[in-house]
Protein backbone atom coordinates (compact mmCIF):
# COMPACT_ATOMS: atom_id res chain seq x y z
CA MET A 1 181.01 10.54 40.03
CA GLU A 2 179.48 7.91 37.83
CA THR A 3 179.12 5.29 40.80
CA LYS A 4 176.98 8.00 42.50
CA TRP A 5 174.40 8.02 39.74
CA TYR A 6 174.15 4.07 39.37
CA PHE A 7 173.67 3.77 43.22
CA LEU A 8 171.03 6.62 42.46
CA GLY A 9 169.36 4.49 39.86
CA ALA A 10 169.43 1.24 41.81
CA ILE A 11 167.55 3.09 44.68
CA LEU A 12 165.14 4.45 42.44
CA LEU A 13 164.71 1.14 40.68
CA VAL A 14 163.97 -0.70 44.12
CA CYS A 15 161.57 2.06 45.05
CA VAL A 16 159.48 1.35 41.89
CA PHE A 17 159.54 -2.64 42.47
CA LEU A 18 158.61 -2.28 46.13
CA LEU A 19 155.73 0.08 44.86
CA ILE A 20 154.63 -2.20 42.28
CA VAL A 21 154.67 -5.26 44.89
CA GLY A 22 152.74 -3.08 47.28
CA PHE A 23 150.33 -2.27 44.75
CA LEU A 24 149.85 -6.25 43.46
CA LYS A 25 149.09 -7.16 47.18
CA GLN A 26 146.22 -4.42 47.71
CA ARG A 27 144.45 -4.56 44.24
CA PHE A 28 145.26 -8.51 43.22
CA ASP A 29 141.13 -8.51 42.55
CA LEU A 30 141.94 -6.05 39.73
CA ILE A 31 144.39 -7.74 37.89
CA VAL A 32 142.82 -11.14 38.16
CA ASN A 33 139.52 -9.51 36.94
CA PHE A 34 141.41 -7.89 33.70
CA ILE A 35 143.13 -11.16 32.85
CA LEU A 36 139.74 -12.71 33.16
CA ARG A 37 138.03 -10.31 31.06
CA ILE A 38 141.07 -11.00 28.73
CA CYS A 39 140.61 -14.34 28.52
CA VAL A 40 136.66 -14.20 27.79
CA GLY A 41 136.94 -11.22 25.21
CA LEU A 42 139.11 -13.20 23.35
CA LEU A 43 137.21 -16.15 23.21
CA GLY A 44 134.30 -14.23 22.50
CA ILE A 45 136.04 -12.36 19.45
CA TYR A 46 137.26 -16.05 18.16
CA LEU A 47 133.74 -17.45 18.76
CA LEU A 48 131.75 -14.61 16.89
CA ASN A 49 134.43 -14.69 14.11
CA THR A 50 133.93 -18.33 13.53
CA ILE A 51 129.99 -17.90 13.37
CA LEU A 52 129.98 -15.06 11.06
CA ALA A 53 132.44 -16.80 8.84
CA SER A 54 130.23 -19.80 8.76
CA SER A 55 127.66 -17.22 7.65
CA HIS A 56 129.84 -16.12 4.72
CA ILE A 57 130.27 -12.66 6.26
CA SER A 58 133.93 -11.73 6.39
CA LEU A 59 133.86 -9.30 9.35
CA GLY A 60 137.02 -10.95 10.83
CA VAL A 61 138.46 -8.97 13.78
CA GLY A 62 141.91 -10.46 14.88
CA THR A 63 142.85 -11.75 18.20
CA ASN A 64 145.86 -9.53 18.48
CA SER A 65 147.38 -7.73 21.66
CA LEU A 66 145.40 -4.56 20.86
CA ASN A 67 142.12 -5.74 21.06
CA ALA A 68 143.07 -7.59 23.87
CA LEU A 69 143.89 -4.58 25.67
CA VAL A 70 140.67 -2.77 24.47
CA VAL A 71 138.25 -5.72 25.75
CA GLY A 72 140.41 -6.23 28.86
CA VAL A 73 139.99 -2.71 29.85
CA LEU A 74 136.62 -1.94 28.50
CA GLY A 75 134.88 -4.88 28.93
CA LEU A 76 131.52 -5.80 26.84
CA PRO A 77 131.63 -2.19 25.64
CA GLY A 78 134.95 -2.49 24.56
CA PHE A 79 134.02 -6.15 22.72
CA LEU A 80 131.06 -4.19 21.13
CA MET A 81 133.46 -1.39 20.01
CA VAL A 82 135.93 -3.71 17.93
CA TYR A 83 133.22 -5.11 16.01
CA GLY A 84 131.45 -1.54 15.59
CA VAL A 85 134.82 -0.48 13.99
CA ALA A 86 134.87 -3.38 11.79
CA ALA A 87 131.56 -3.18 10.65
CA TYR A 88 132.09 0.34 9.70
CA PHE A 89 134.86 -0.51 7.52
CA TYR A 90 133.62 -3.38 6.36
CA PHE A 91 130.24 -1.55 5.01
CA THR A 92 131.67 1.69 3.97
């Protein structure tokens, strides 16, 4: 009886894997765009943090996975949102 569930799980896993591979083949441009936005966004965060630190403004936004996800999904509005939230909490 337990072998039946393992077999069903294996079939489900193969189906999900094939769906992911099919999506990657069709929409590879979206994945590349997402990765490029993450790289450029994190570089922008690093550079703006450096500029603000040299101006003695400690509005440091971390280069962590949550900020990378926000900047990767939203792009420039996400970048501005991250700094907007940091400025809100810095000045209040």
